[in-house]
Amino acid sequence: MARPFRCPKCGSHDYAIVLTGCNLTNATLEEMLTWDEEQQDYVSGGSVVVDSEGMENEGATAVCAECEEDVTEAVRQYEASQEPATEA
């Protein structure tokens, strides 16, 4: 059984992957809108890719969901440790 990722700063298991420079094919996006009483208007929380046929991106970073630290290298190490060993 796999062990969960743990943020080296705060110990949280949750993180987000942020992709930059994306080109999407046949994508479905979701945009969350919340009412801002002060502005008397809806405010966008940004768009999220729900699904796509294809995606190319220039780069990616990982951010801890709890403390918002950059955990890119820690996630790379975690993912490498989860890969099954190949037989020679």
PDB file of N, CA and C in Angstrom:
ATOM      1  N   MET A   1       0.847  -1.175   0.000  1.00  0.00           N
ATOM      2  CA  MET A   1       0.000   0.000   0.000  1.00  0.00           C
ATOM      3  C   MET A   1       0.902   1.251   0.000  1.00  0.00           C
ATOM      4  N   ALA A   2       0.546   2.223  -0.816  1.00  0.00           N
ATOM      5  CA  ALA A   2       1.341   3.446  -0.929  1.00  0.00           C
ATOM      6  C   ALA A   2       1.171   4.322   0.303  1.00  0.00           C
ATOM      7  N   ARG A   3       2.216   5.057   0.623  1.00  0.00           N
ATOM      8  CA  ARG A   3       2.152   6.013   1.727  1.00  0.00           C
ATOM      9  C   ARG A   3       1.825   7.373   1.134  1.00  0.00           C
ATOM     10  N   PRO A   4       1.069   8.205   1.840  1.00  0.00           N
ATOM     11  CA  PRO A   4       0.720   9.519   1.293  1.00  0.00           C
ATOM     12  C   PRO A   4       1.901  10.485   1.320  1.00  0.00           C
ATOM     13  N   PHE A   5       1.848  11.453   0.420  1.00  0.00           N
ATOM     14  CA  PHE A   5       2.824  12.534   0.415  1.00  0.00           C
ATOM     15  C   PHE A   5       2.677  13.317   1.712  1.00  0.00           C
ATOM     16  N   ARG A   6       3.794  13.845   2.222  1.00  0.00           N
ATOM     17  CA  ARG A   6       3.764  14.666   3.429  1.00  0.00           C
ATOM     18  C   ARG A   6       4.595  15.919   3.161  1.00  0.00           C
ATOM     19  N   CYS A   7       3.976  17.098   3.312  1.00  0.00           N
ATOM     20  CA  CYS A   7       4.684  18.364   3.117  1.00  0.00           C
ATOM     21  C   CYS A   7       5.831  18.445   4.120  1.00  0.00           C
ATOM     22  N   PRO A   8       7.049  18.742   3.641  1.00  0.00           N
ATOM     23  CA  PRO A   8       8.182  18.827   4.558  1.00  0.00           C
ATOM     24  C   PRO A   8       8.106  20.018   5.510  1.00  0.00           C
ATOM     25  N   LYS A   9       7.275  21.001   5.207  1.00  0.00           N
ATOM     26  CA  LYS A   9       7.148  22.204   6.045  1.00  0.00           C
ATOM     27  C   LYS A   9       6.090  22.025   7.144  1.00  0.00           C
ATOM     28  N   CYS A  10       4.868  21.562   6.749  1.00  0.00           N
ATOM     29  CA  CYS A  10       3.765  21.515   7.731  1.00  0.00           C
ATOM     30  C   CYS A  10       3.191  20.120   7.962  1.00  0.00           C
ATOM     31  N   GLY A  11       3.571  19.143   7.124  1.00  0.00           N
ATOM     32  CA  GLY A  11       3.092  17.774   7.317  1.00  0.00           C
ATOM     33  C   GLY A  11       1.787  17.444   6.616  1.00  0.00           C
ATOM     34  N   SER A  12       1.182  18.391   5.912  1.00  0.00           N
ATOM     35  CA  SER A  12      -0.076  18.143   5.208  1.00  0.00           C
ATOM     36  C   SER A  12       0.122  17.117   4.105  1.00  0.00           C
ATOM     37  N   HIS A  13      -0.934  16.367   3.781  1.00  0.00           N
ATOM     38  CA  HIS A  13      -0.884  15.376   2.707  1.00  0.00           C
ATOM     39  C   HIS A  13      -1.395  15.942   1.380  1.00  0.00           C
ATOM     40  N   ASP A  14      -2.029  17.100   1.404  1.00  0.00           N
ATOM     41  CA  ASP A  14      -2.693  17.638   0.217  1.00  0.00           C
ATOM     42  C   ASP A  14      -1.835  18.679  -0.487  1.00  0.00           C
ATOM     43  N   TYR A  15      -1.858  18.626  -1.811  1.00  0.00           N
ATOM     44  CA  TYR A  15      -1.106  19.603  -2.602  1.00  0.00           C
ATOM     45  C   TYR A  15      -1.802  19.805  -3.936  1.00  0.00           C
ATOM     46  N   ALA A  16      -1.480  20.903  -4.601  1.00  0.00           N
ATOM     47  CA  ALA A  16      -2.033  21.219  -5.917  1.00  0.00           C
ATOM     48  C   ALA A  16      -0.896  21.270  -6.922  1.00  0.00           C
ATOM     49  N   ILE A  17      -1.179  20.840  -8.129  1.00  0.00           N
ATOM     50  CA  ILE A  17      -0.234  20.953  -9.231  1.00  0.00           C
ATOM     51  C   ILE A  17      -0.681  22.153 -10.061  1.00  0.00           C
ATOM     52  N   VAL A  18       0.238  23.087 -10.289  1.00  0.00           N
ATOM     53  CA  VAL A  18      -0.069  24.285 -11.063  1.00  0.00           C
ATOM     54  C   VAL A  18       0.698  24.179 -12.381  1.00  0.00           C
ATOM     55  N   LEU A  19      -0.050  24.095 -13.498  1.00  0.00           N
ATOM     56  CA  LEU A  19       0.541  23.997 -14.822  1.00  0.00           C
ATOM     57  C   LEU A  19       0.553  25.375 -15.465  1.00  0.00           C
ATOM     58  N   THR A  20       1.646  25.711 -16.144  1.00  0.00           N
ATOM     59  CA  THR A  20       1.754  27.009 -16.794  1.00  0.00           C
ATOM     60  C   THR A  20       1.930  26.829 -18.298  1.00  0.00           C
ATOM     61  N   GLY A  21       1.506  27.842 -19.052  1.00  0.00           N
ATOM     62  CA  GLY A  21       1.662  27.822 -20.502  1.00  0.00           C
ATOM     63  C   GLY A  21       0.915  26.685 -21.161  1.00  0.00           C
ATOM     64  N   CYS A  22      -0.350  26.464 -20.779  1.00  0.00           N
ATOM     65  CA  CYS A  22      -1.103  25.312 -21.264  1.00  0.00           C
ATOM     66  C   CYS A  22      -1.794  25.572 -22.605  1.00  0.00           C
ATOM     67  N   ASN A  23      -1.737  24.572 -23.464  1.00  0.00           N
ATOM     68  CA  ASN A  23      -2.524  24.520 -24.683  1.00  0.00           C
ATOM     69  C   ASN A  23      -3.443  23.319 -24.536  1.00  0.00           C
ATOM     70  N   LEU A  24      -4.758  23.568 -24.511  1.00  0.00           N
ATOM     71  CA  LEU A  24      -5.727  22.510 -24.266  1.00  0.00           C
ATOM     72  C   LEU A  24      -6.483  22.163 -25.543  1.00  0.00           C
ATOM     73  N   THR A  25      -6.849  20.895 -25.677  1.00  0.00           N
ATOM     74  CA  THR A  25      -7.658  20.426 -26.786  1.00  0.00           C
ATOM     75  C   THR A  25      -8.958  19.875 -26.240  1.00  0.00           C
ATOM     76  N   ASN A  26     -10.072  20.381 -26.773  1.00  0.00           N
ATOM     77  CA  ASN A  26     -11.408  19.910 -26.365  1.00  0.00           C
ATOM     78  C   ASN A  26     -11.563  19.899 -24.850  1.00  0.00           C
ATOM     79  N   ALA A  27     -11.287  21.016 -24.219  1.00  0.00           N
ATOM     80  CA  ALA A  27     -11.296  21.095 -22.756  1.00  0.00           C
ATOM     81  C   ALA A  27     -12.664  21.459 -22.210  1.00  0.00           C
ATOM     82  N   THR A  28     -12.915  20.995 -20.998  1.00  0.00           N
ATOM     83  CA  THR A  28     -14.067  21.416 -20.211  1.00  0.00           C
ATOM     84  C   THR A  28     -13.513  22.162 -19.009  1.00  0.00           C
ATOM     85  N   LEU A  29     -13.941  23.414 -18.843  1.00  0.00           N
ATOM     86  CA  LEU A  29     -13.476  24.249 -17.740  1.00  0.00           C
ATOM     87  C   LEU A  29     -14.620  24.502 -16.772  1.00  0.00           C
ATOM     88  N   GLU A  30     -14.265  24.700 -15.513  1.00  0.00           N
ATOM     89  CA  GLU A  30     -15.242  25.063 -14.491  1.00  0.00           C
ATOM     90  C   GLU A  30     -14.773  26.365 -13.857  1.00  0.00           C
ATOM     91  N   GLU A  31     -15.688  27.332 -13.754  1.00  0.00           N
ATOM     92  CA  GLU A  31     -15.368  28.606 -13.124  1.00  0.00           C
ATOM     93  C   GLU A  31     -16.320  28.823 -11.957  1.00  0.00           C
ATOM     94  N   MET A  32     -15.770  29.020 -10.758  1.00  0.00           N
ATOM     95  CA  MET A  32     -16.573  29.246  -9.570  1.00  0.00           C
ATOM     96  C   MET A  32     -16.780  30.750  -9.397  1.00  0.00           C
ATOM     97  N   LEU A  33     -18.037  31.162  -9.298  1.00  0.00           N
ATOM     98  CA  LEU A  33     -18.373  32.567  -9.099  1.00  0.00           C
ATOM     99  C   LEU A  33     -19.029  32.730  -7.739  1.00  0.00           C
ATOM    100  N   THR A  34     -18.551  33.700  -6.966  1.00  0.00           N
ATOM    101  CA  THR A  34     -19.135  33.971  -5.655  1.00  0.00           C
ATOM    102  C   THR A  34     -19.590  35.421  -5.594  1.00  0.00           C
ATOM    103  N   TRP A  35     -20.673  35.649  -4.892  1.00  0.00           N
ATOM    104  CA  TRP A  35     -21.230  36.985  -4.767  1.00  0.00           C
ATOM    105  C   TRP A  35     -20.427  37.789  -3.748  1.00  0.00           C
ATOM    106  N   ASP A  36     -19.999  38.980  -4.151  1.00  0.00           N
ATOM    107  CA  ASP A  36     -19.277  39.890  -3.264  1.00  0.00           C
ATOM    108  C   ASP A  36     -20.238  41.019  -2.892  1.00  0.00           C
ATOM    109  N   GLU A  37     -20.680  40.999  -1.645  1.00  0.00           N
ATOM    110  CA  GLU A  37     -21.672  41.970  -1.175  1.00  0.00           C
ATOM    111  C   GLU A  37     -21.132  43.394  -1.281  1.00  0.00           C
ATOM    112  N   GLU A  38     -19.868  43.589  -0.963  1.00  0.00           N
ATOM    113  CA  GLU A  38     -19.269  44.913  -1.001  1.00  0.00           C
ATOM    114  C   GLU A  38     -19.233  45.479  -2.421  1.00  0.00           C
ATOM    115  N   GLN A  39     -18.864  44.655  -3.384  1.00  0.00           N
ATOM    116  CA  GLN A  39     -18.783  45.099  -4.774  1.00  0.00           C
ATOM    117  C   GLN A  39     -20.132  45.024  -5.482  1.00  0.00           C
ATOM    118  N   GLN A  40     -21.090  44.330  -4.862  1.00  0.00           N
ATOM    119  CA  GLN A  40     -22.401  44.107  -5.469  1.00  0.00           C
ATOM    120  C   GLN A  40     -22.261  43.477  -6.850  1.00  0.00           C
ATOM    121  N   ASP A  41     -21.404  42.471  -6.912  1.00  0.00           N
ATOM    122  CA  ASP A  41     -21.143  41.787  -8.173  1.00  0.00           C
ATOM    123  C   ASP A  41     -20.534  40.417  -7.876  1.00  0.00           C
ATOM    124  N   TYR A  42     -20.548  39.557  -8.904  1.00  0.00           N
ATOM    125  CA  TYR A  42     -19.909  38.254  -8.762  1.00  0.00           C
ATOM    126  C   TYR A  42     -18.409  38.374  -8.993  1.00  0.00           C
ATOM    127  N   VAL A  43     -17.634  37.585  -8.265  1.00  0.00           N
ATOM    128  CA  VAL A  43     -16.190  37.555  -8.384  1.00  0.00           C
ATOM    129  C   VAL A  43     -15.795  36.144  -8.807  1.00  0.00           C
ATOM    130  N   SER A  44     -14.918  36.060  -9.803  1.00  0.00           N
ATOM    131  CA  SER A  44     -14.470  34.772 -10.297  1.00  0.00           C
ATOM    132  C   SER A  44     -13.347  34.234  -9.427  1.00  0.00           C
ATOM    133  N   GLY A  45     -13.437  32.964  -9.099  1.00  0.00           N
ATOM    134  CA  GLY A  45     -12.371  32.295  -8.370  1.00  0.00           C
ATOM    135  C   GLY A  45     -11.354  31.678  -9.316  1.00  0.00           C
ATOM    136  N   GLY A  46     -11.490  31.961 -10.623  1.00  0.00           N
ATOM    137  CA  GLY A  46     -10.591  31.395 -11.626  1.00  0.00           C
ATOM    138  C   GLY A  46     -11.206  30.168 -12.260  1.00  0.00           C
ATOM    139  N   SER A  47     -10.592  29.698 -13.294  1.00  0.00           N
ATOM    140  CA  SER A  47     -11.072  28.527 -14.021  1.00  0.00           C
ATOM    141  C   SER A  47     -10.247  27.298 -13.665  1.00  0.00           C
ATOM    142  N   VAL A  48     -10.910  26.160 -13.669  1.00  0.00           N
ATOM    143  CA  VAL A  48     -10.265  24.880 -13.399  1.00  0.00           C
ATOM    144  C   VAL A  48     -10.550  23.960 -14.579  1.00  0.00           C
ATOM    145  N   VAL A  49      -9.539  23.252 -15.073  1.00  0.00           N
ATOM    146  CA  VAL A  49      -9.731  22.283 -16.143  1.00  0.00           C
ATOM    147  C   VAL A  49     -10.349  21.030 -15.535  1.00  0.00           C
ATOM    148  N   VAL A  50     -11.544  20.685 -15.995  1.00  0.00           N
ATOM    149  CA  VAL A  50     -12.226  19.497 -15.505  1.00  0.00           C
ATOM    150  C   VAL A  50     -11.839  18.280 -16.337  1.00  0.00           C
ATOM    151  N   ASP A  51     -11.664  18.494 -17.648  1.00  0.00           N
ATOM    152  CA  ASP A  51     -11.349  17.398 -18.533  1.00  0.00           C
ATOM    153  C   ASP A  51     -10.778  17.977 -19.829  1.00  0.00           C
ATOM    154  N   SER A  52      -9.975  17.197 -20.530  1.00  0.00           N
ATOM    155  CA  SER A  52      -9.489  17.603 -21.846  1.00  0.00           C
ATOM    156  C   SER A  52      -9.003  16.374 -22.596  1.00  0.00           C
ATOM    157  N   GLU A  53      -9.050  16.459 -23.929  1.00  0.00           N
ATOM    158  CA  GLU A  53      -8.535  15.365 -24.756  1.00  0.00           C
ATOM    159  C   GLU A  53      -7.021  15.369 -24.763  1.00  0.00           C
ATOM    160  N   GLY A  54      -6.446  16.554 -24.713  1.00  0.00           N
ATOM    161  CA  GLY A  54      -5.001  16.664 -24.733  1.00  0.00           C
ATOM    162  C   GLY A  54      -4.568  17.955 -24.066  1.00  0.00           C
ATOM    163  N   MET A  55      -3.367  17.955 -23.527  1.00  0.00           N
ATOM    164  CA  MET A  55      -2.843  19.156 -22.895  1.00  0.00           C
ATOM    165  C   MET A  55      -1.328  19.155 -22.996  1.00  0.00           C
ATOM    166  N   GLU A  56      -0.798  20.273 -23.445  1.00  0.00           N
ATOM    167  CA  GLU A  56       0.639  20.502 -23.450  1.00  0.00           C
ATOM    168  C   GLU A  56       0.898  21.667 -22.523  1.00  0.00           C
ATOM    169  N   ASN A  57       1.982  21.621 -21.771  1.00  0.00           N
ATOM    170  CA  ASN A  57       2.287  22.715 -20.870  1.00  0.00           C
ATOM    171  C   ASN A  57       3.787  22.972 -20.839  1.00  0.00           C
ATOM    172  N   GLU A  58       4.145  24.200 -20.479  1.00  0.00           N
ATOM    173  CA  GLU A  58       5.552  24.601 -20.427  1.00  0.00           C
ATOM    174  C   GLU A  58       6.232  24.164 -19.145  1.00  0.00           C
ATOM    175  N   GLY A  59       5.491  24.077 -18.055  1.00  0.00           N
ATOM    176  CA  GLY A  59       6.086  23.708 -16.789  1.00  0.00           C
ATOM    177  C   GLY A  59       5.044  23.485 -15.725  1.00  0.00           C
ATOM    178  N   ALA A  60       5.472  22.914 -14.613  1.00  0.00           N
ATOM    179  CA  ALA A  60       4.544  22.638 -13.520  1.00  0.00           C
ATOM    180  C   ALA A  60       5.258  22.844 -12.190  1.00  0.00           C
ATOM    181  N   THR A  61       4.500  23.273 -11.206  1.00  0.00           N
ATOM    182  CA  THR A  61       4.988  23.366  -9.843  1.00  0.00           C
ATOM    183  C   THR A  61       3.951  22.725  -8.934  1.00  0.00           C
ATOM    184  N   ALA A  62       4.379  22.322  -7.764  1.00  0.00           N
ATOM    185  CA  ALA A  62       3.474  21.764  -6.762  1.00  0.00           C
ATOM    186  C   ALA A  62       3.461  22.711  -5.568  1.00  0.00           C
ATOM    187  N   VAL A  63       2.254  22.951  -5.047  1.00  0.00           N
ATOM    188  CA  VAL A  63       2.070  23.867  -3.921  1.00  0.00           C
ATOM    189  C   VAL A  63       1.284  23.154  -2.835  1.00  0.00           C
ATOM    190  N   CYS A  64       1.771  23.221  -1.602  1.00  0.00           N
ATOM    191  CA  CYS A  64       1.075  22.608  -0.470  1.00  0.00           C
ATOM    192  C   CYS A  64      -0.274  23.282  -0.280  1.00  0.00           C
ATOM    193  N   ALA A  65      -1.320  22.498  -0.119  1.00  0.00           N
ATOM    194  CA  ALA A  65      -2.661  23.043   0.053  1.00  0.00           C
ATOM    195  C   ALA A  65      -2.844  23.716   1.406  1.00  0.00           C
ATOM    196  N   GLU A  66      -2.030  23.361   2.385  1.00  0.00           N
ATOM    197  CA  GLU A  66      -2.180  23.914   3.735  1.00  0.00           C
ATOM    198  C   GLU A  66      -1.327  25.164   3.951  1.00  0.00           C
ATOM    199  N   CYS A  67      -0.020  25.057   3.751  1.00  0.00           N
ATOM    200  CA  CYS A  67       0.874  26.191   4.063  1.00  0.00           C
ATOM    201  C   CYS A  67       1.278  26.988   2.819  1.00  0.00           C
ATOM    202  N   GLU A  68       0.875  26.497   1.635  1.00  0.00           N
ATOM    203  CA  GLU A  68       1.118  27.164   0.353  1.00  0.00           C
ATOM    204  C   GLU A  68       2.596  27.310  -0.001  1.00  0.00           C
ATOM    205  N   GLU A  69       3.445  26.457   0.558  1.00  0.00           N
ATOM    206  CA  GLU A  69       4.862  26.437   0.210  1.00  0.00           C
ATOM    207  C   GLU A  69       5.046  25.689  -1.110  1.00  0.00           C
ATOM    208  N   ASP A  70       6.092  26.040  -1.852  1.00  0.00           N
ATOM    209  CA  ASP A  70       6.446  25.316  -3.062  1.00  0.00           C
ATOM    210  C   ASP A  70       7.031  23.964  -2.641  1.00  0.00           C
ATOM    211  N   VAL A  71       6.371  22.895  -3.021  1.00  0.00           N
ATOM    212  CA  VAL A  71       6.811  21.546  -2.656  1.00  0.00           C
ATOM    213  C   VAL A  71       7.139  20.719  -3.900  1.00  0.00           C
ATOM    214  N   THR A  72       7.499  21.398  -4.986  1.00  0.00           N
ATOM    215  CA  THR A  72       7.751  20.731  -6.259  1.00  0.00           C
ATOM    216  C   THR A  72       8.781  19.620  -6.127  1.00  0.00           C
ATOM    217  N   GLU A  73       9.927  19.915  -5.547  1.00  0.00           N
ATOM    218  CA  GLU A  73      10.984  18.912  -5.433  1.00  0.00           C
ATOM    219  C   GLU A  73      10.559  17.775  -4.503  1.00  0.00           C
ATOM    220  N   ALA A  74       9.867  18.089  -3.431  1.00  0.00           N
ATOM    221  CA  ALA A  74       9.404  17.045  -2.501  1.00  0.00           C
ATOM    222  C   ALA A  74       8.398  16.120  -3.190  1.00  0.00           C
ATOM    223  N   VAL A  75       7.527  16.664  -4.035  1.00  0.00           N
ATOM    224  CA  VAL A  75       6.561  15.844  -4.764  1.00  0.00           C
ATOM    225  C   VAL A  75       7.289  14.973  -5.787  1.00  0.00           C
ATOM    226  N   ARG A  76       8.291  15.520  -6.465  1.00  0.00           N
ATOM    227  CA  ARG A  76       9.082  14.716  -7.417  1.00  0.00           C
ATOM    228  C   ARG A  76       9.718  13.520  -6.702  1.00  0.00           C
ATOM    229  N   GLN A  77      10.305  13.776  -5.544  1.00  0.00           N
ATOM    230  CA  GLN A  77      10.931  12.694  -4.780  1.00  0.00           C
ATOM    231  C   GLN A  77       9.886  11.669  -4.330  1.00  0.00           C
ATOM    232  N   TYR A  78       8.727  12.157  -3.894  1.00  0.00           N
ATOM    233  CA  TYR A  78       7.646  11.266  -3.464  1.00  0.00           C
ATOM    234  C   TYR A  78       7.195  10.376  -4.629  1.00  0.00           C
ATOM    235  N   GLU A  79       6.952  11.005  -5.799  1.00  0.00           N
ATOM    236  CA  GLU A  79       6.488  10.233  -6.953  1.00  0.00           C
ATOM    237  C   GLU A  79       7.531   9.212  -7.395  1.00  0.00           C
ATOM    238  N   ALA A  80       8.812   9.578  -7.353  1.00  0.00           N
ATOM    239  CA  ALA A  80       9.880   8.642  -7.716  1.00  0.00           C
ATOM    240  C   ALA A  80       9.923   7.457  -6.751  1.00  0.00           C
ATOM    241  N   SER A  81       9.645   7.708  -5.485  1.00  0.00           N
ATOM    242  CA  SER A  81       9.675   6.628  -4.492  1.00  0.00           C
ATOM    243  C   SER A  81       8.462   5.704  -4.623  1.00  0.00           C
ATOM    244  N   GLN A  82       7.406   6.141  -5.319  1.00  0.00           N
ATOM    245  CA  GLN A  82       6.193   5.352  -5.468  1.00  0.00           C
ATOM    246  C   GLN A  82       6.207   4.493  -6.730  1.00  0.00           C
ATOM    247  N   GLU A  83       7.171   4.762  -7.641  1.00  0.00           N
ATOM    248  CA  GLU A  83       7.243   3.984  -8.875  1.00  0.00           C
ATOM    249  C   GLU A  83       7.659   2.562  -8.561  1.00  0.00           C
ATOM    250  N   PRO A  84       6.969   1.599  -9.177  1.00  0.00           N
ATOM    251  CA  PRO A  84       7.343   0.191  -8.921  1.00  0.00           C
ATOM    252  C   PRO A  84       8.710  -0.111  -9.520  1.00  0.00           C
ATOM    253  N   ALA A  85       9.438  -0.951  -8.852  1.00  0.00           N
ATOM    254  CA  ALA A  85      10.769  -1.360  -9.334  1.00  0.00           C
ATOM    255  C   ALA A  85      10.619  -2.173 -10.600  1.00  0.00           C
ATOM    256  N   THR A  86      11.470  -1.916 -11.573  1.00  0.00           N
ATOM    257  CA  THR A  86      11.437  -2.687 -12.822  1.00  0.00           C
ATOM    258  C   THR A  86      12.395  -3.860 -12.714  1.00  0.00           C
ATOM    259  N   GLU A  87      11.999  -4.983 -13.308  1.00  0.00           N
ATOM    260  CA  GLU A  87      12.844  -6.168 -13.282  1.00  0.00           C
ATOM    261  C   GLU A  87      13.855  -6.108 -14.413  1.00  0.00           C
ATOM    262  N   ALA A  88      15.075  -6.513 -14.164  1.00  0.00           N
ATOM    263  CA  ALA A  88      16.120  -6.480 -15.199  1.00  0.00           C
ATOM    264  C   ALA A  88      16.158  -7.750 -15.978  1.00  0.00           C
TER     265      ALA A  88
END
